[in-house]
């Protein structure tokens, strides 16, 4: 926690600490409150954007451009194509993400042997090198997965 983050402390606890002249029980209660992770609300959106494409086959989404909150709401309320065949997509922009992404474990394939590569490569040295490189890459992914 940095020195400039705002936290909420019950007013009654502060009053008890002031009256008591800071007793150990109140100090421990305050430490417990300070030790809790601070809520990271996403807050209000700071901007709105939309993009469009046509219903024609092969049509590509155009770049995101700023729009008003009213335009955003109209797009969300009417997601289908308009009479001219234009589809709009809208999004809100925030100053921070809603939640940190949950960690995901990666399931790795089995290690390879030189024999598995020999039939394709026809050379013992090349097969051994290919297996070593594949297995080294697996080891690196496993190391990164454990971080």
Protein backbone atom coordinates (compact mmCIF):
# COMPACT_ATOMS: atom_id res chain seq x y z
CA UNK A 1 0.00 0.00 0.00
CA UNK A 2 1.43 3.38 -0.95
CA UNK A 3 1.22 6.49 1.22
CA UNK A 4 -1.27 8.22 -1.06
CA UNK A 5 -3.94 5.48 -1.21
CA UNK A 6 -7.18 6.24 0.56
CA UNK A 7 -8.61 3.74 3.02
CA UNK A 8 -11.77 3.64 5.10
CA UNK A 9 -11.44 3.31 8.86
CA UNK A 10 -14.51 3.21 11.11
CA UNK A 11 -14.96 6.58 12.82
CA UNK A 12 -15.81 4.78 16.10
CA UNK A 13 -12.43 3.01 16.07
CA UNK A 14 -10.57 6.30 15.61
CA UNK A 15 -12.58 7.80 18.51
CA UNK A 16 -11.67 4.83 20.77
CA UNK A 17 -7.99 5.19 19.87
CA UNK A 18 -8.10 8.92 20.62
CA UNK A 19 -9.89 8.39 23.96
CA UNK A 20 -7.69 5.49 25.00
CA UNK A 21 -4.41 7.09 24.06
CA UNK A 22 -3.71 4.17 21.65
CA UNK A 23 -4.13 0.87 23.48
CA UNK A 24 -2.78 -2.37 22.02
CA UNK A 25 -6.26 -3.82 21.25
CA UNK A 26 -7.24 -0.83 19.08
CA UNK A 27 -3.84 -0.74 17.42
CA UNK A 28 -4.17 -4.43 16.47
CA UNK A 29 -7.68 -3.79 15.11
CA UNK A 30 -6.39 -0.89 13.03
CA UNK A 31 -3.49 -3.03 11.75
CA UNK A 32 -5.96 -5.74 10.71
CA UNK A 33 -7.99 -3.19 8.73
CA UNK A 34 -4.86 -1.82 7.07
CA UNK A 35 -3.66 -5.32 6.19
CA UNK A 36 -6.79 -6.07 4.14
CA UNK A 37 -6.35 -5.65 0.41
CA UNK A 38 -7.82 -2.39 -0.80
CA UNK A 39 -10.82 -2.66 -3.09
CA UNK A 40 -9.99 -1.68 -6.65
CA UNK A 41 -13.31 -0.54 -8.07
CA UNK A 42 -13.47 -0.01 -11.78
CA UNK A 43 -15.31 3.26 -11.21
CA UNK A 44 -17.12 5.33 -13.77
CA UNK A 45 -16.22 5.11 -17.44
CA UNK A 46 -13.99 7.93 -18.62
CA UNK A 47 -14.87 7.63 -22.31
CA UNK A 48 -17.01 5.74 -24.80
CA UNK A 49 -16.05 4.35 -28.20
CA UNK A 50 -17.69 2.60 -31.09
CA UNK A 51 -16.75 0.99 -34.35
CA UNK A 52 -18.73 -0.29 -37.29
CA UNK A 53 -18.78 -2.64 -40.25
CA UNK A 54 -21.34 -3.64 -42.84
CA UNK A 55 -23.27 -6.89 -43.02
CA UNK A 56 -21.55 -7.66 -46.35
CA UNK A 57 -19.41 -10.78 -46.43
CA UNK A 58 -15.75 -9.96 -45.84
CA UNK A 59 -16.53 -6.61 -44.21
CA UNK A 60 -13.88 -5.62 -41.64
CA UNK A 61 -14.37 -3.72 -38.40
CA UNK A 62 -13.20 -0.10 -38.68
CA UNK A 63 -10.99 1.49 -36.02
CA UNK A 64 -12.47 2.43 -32.64
CA UNK A 65 -13.50 6.10 -32.45
CA UNK A 66 -14.80 8.21 -29.58
CA UNK A 67 -18.54 8.60 -29.20
CA UNK A 68 -20.93 10.10 -26.66
CA UNK A 69 -22.57 8.20 -23.83
CA UNK A 70 -25.87 8.66 -25.67
CA UNK A 71 -24.43 7.02 -28.81
CA UNK A 72 -23.04 4.21 -26.65
CA UNK A 73 -26.45 3.59 -25.04
CA UNK A 74 -28.24 3.61 -28.42
CA UNK A 75 -25.75 1.07 -29.77
CA UNK A 76 -26.20 -1.24 -26.77
CA UNK A 77 -30.00 -0.96 -26.94
CA UNK A 78 -30.09 -1.72 -30.69
CA UNK A 79 -27.23 -4.14 -31.41
CA UNK A 80 -28.48 -5.35 -34.81
CA UNK A 81 -27.70 -3.81 -38.19
CA UNK A 82 -29.45 -0.57 -39.09
CA UNK A 83 -31.59 -0.27 -42.27
CA UNK A 84 -28.46 0.50 -44.31
CA UNK A 85 -26.77 -2.73 -43.14
CA UNK A 86 -24.29 -1.14 -40.73
CA UNK A 87 -23.45 -2.99 -37.52
CA UNK A 88 -22.07 -0.99 -34.59
CA UNK A 89 -20.15 -2.23 -31.56
CA UNK A 90 -19.59 -0.02 -28.50
CA UNK A 91 -17.42 -0.13 -25.39
CA UNK A 92 -16.73 1.84 -22.22
CA UNK A 93 -13.19 2.86 -21.29
CA UNK A 94 -12.01 2.90 -17.68
CA UNK A 95 -8.86 4.09 -15.96
CA UNK A 96 -8.20 0.63 -14.47
CA UNK A 97 -9.23 -2.94 -15.26
CA UNK A 98 -12.19 -4.46 -13.47
CA UNK A 99 -10.32 -7.37 -11.88
CA UNK A 100 -6.88 -8.82 -12.33
CA UNK A 101 -7.04 -11.90 -14.51
CA UNK A 102 -7.10 -15.21 -12.67
CA UNK A 103 -3.93 -17.27 -13.05
CA UNK A 104 -4.26 -20.11 -15.50
CA UNK A 105 -2.16 -23.25 -15.44
CA UNK A 106 -0.82 -24.43 -18.78
CA UNK A 107 -1.05 -28.14 -19.53
CA UNK A 108 2.10 -29.12 -21.38
CA UNK A 109 2.47 -31.90 -23.96
CA UNK A 110 4.64 -34.92 -23.23
CA UNK A 111 8.39 -34.71 -23.69
CA UNK A 112 9.75 -36.01 -27.02
CA UNK A 113 12.45 -38.56 -27.69
CA UNK A 114 14.93 -38.57 -30.56
CA UNK A 115 13.22 -41.70 -31.94
CA UNK A 116 10.00 -39.74 -32.51
CA UNK A 117 11.90 -37.31 -34.76
CA UNK A 118 14.12 -39.87 -36.51
CA UNK A 119 11.44 -41.19 -38.88
CA UNK A 120 10.72 -37.66 -40.06
CA UNK A 121 14.29 -36.34 -40.15
CA UNK A 122 16.23 -39.51 -41.00
CA UNK A 123 19.31 -38.34 -39.16
CA UNK A 124 20.25 -39.28 -35.58
CA UNK A 125 21.96 -35.97 -34.81
CA UNK A 126 19.10 -33.88 -36.21
CA UNK A 127 16.54 -36.01 -34.34
CA UNK A 128 18.44 -35.66 -31.07
CA UNK A 129 18.80 -31.90 -31.58
CA UNK A 130 15.09 -31.50 -32.40
CA UNK A 131 14.06 -33.47 -29.30
CA UNK A 132 16.46 -31.46 -27.11
CA UNK A 133 15.11 -28.16 -28.46
CA UNK A 134 11.49 -29.25 -27.98
CA UNK A 135 12.16 -30.44 -24.44
CA UNK A 136 14.09 -27.25 -23.60
CA UNK A 137 11.10 -25.21 -24.73
CA UNK A 138 8.83 -27.34 -22.51
CA UNK A 139 11.16 -26.77 -19.56
CA UNK A 140 11.06 -23.00 -20.11
CA UNK A 141 7.25 -22.96 -20.34
CA UNK A 142 7.07 -25.06 -17.15
CA UNK A 143 9.40 -22.60 -15.42
CA UNK A 144 7.31 -19.63 -16.53
CA UNK A 145 4.11 -21.44 -15.54
CA UNK A 146 5.40 -21.81 -11.96
CA UNK A 147 5.98 -18.05 -11.52
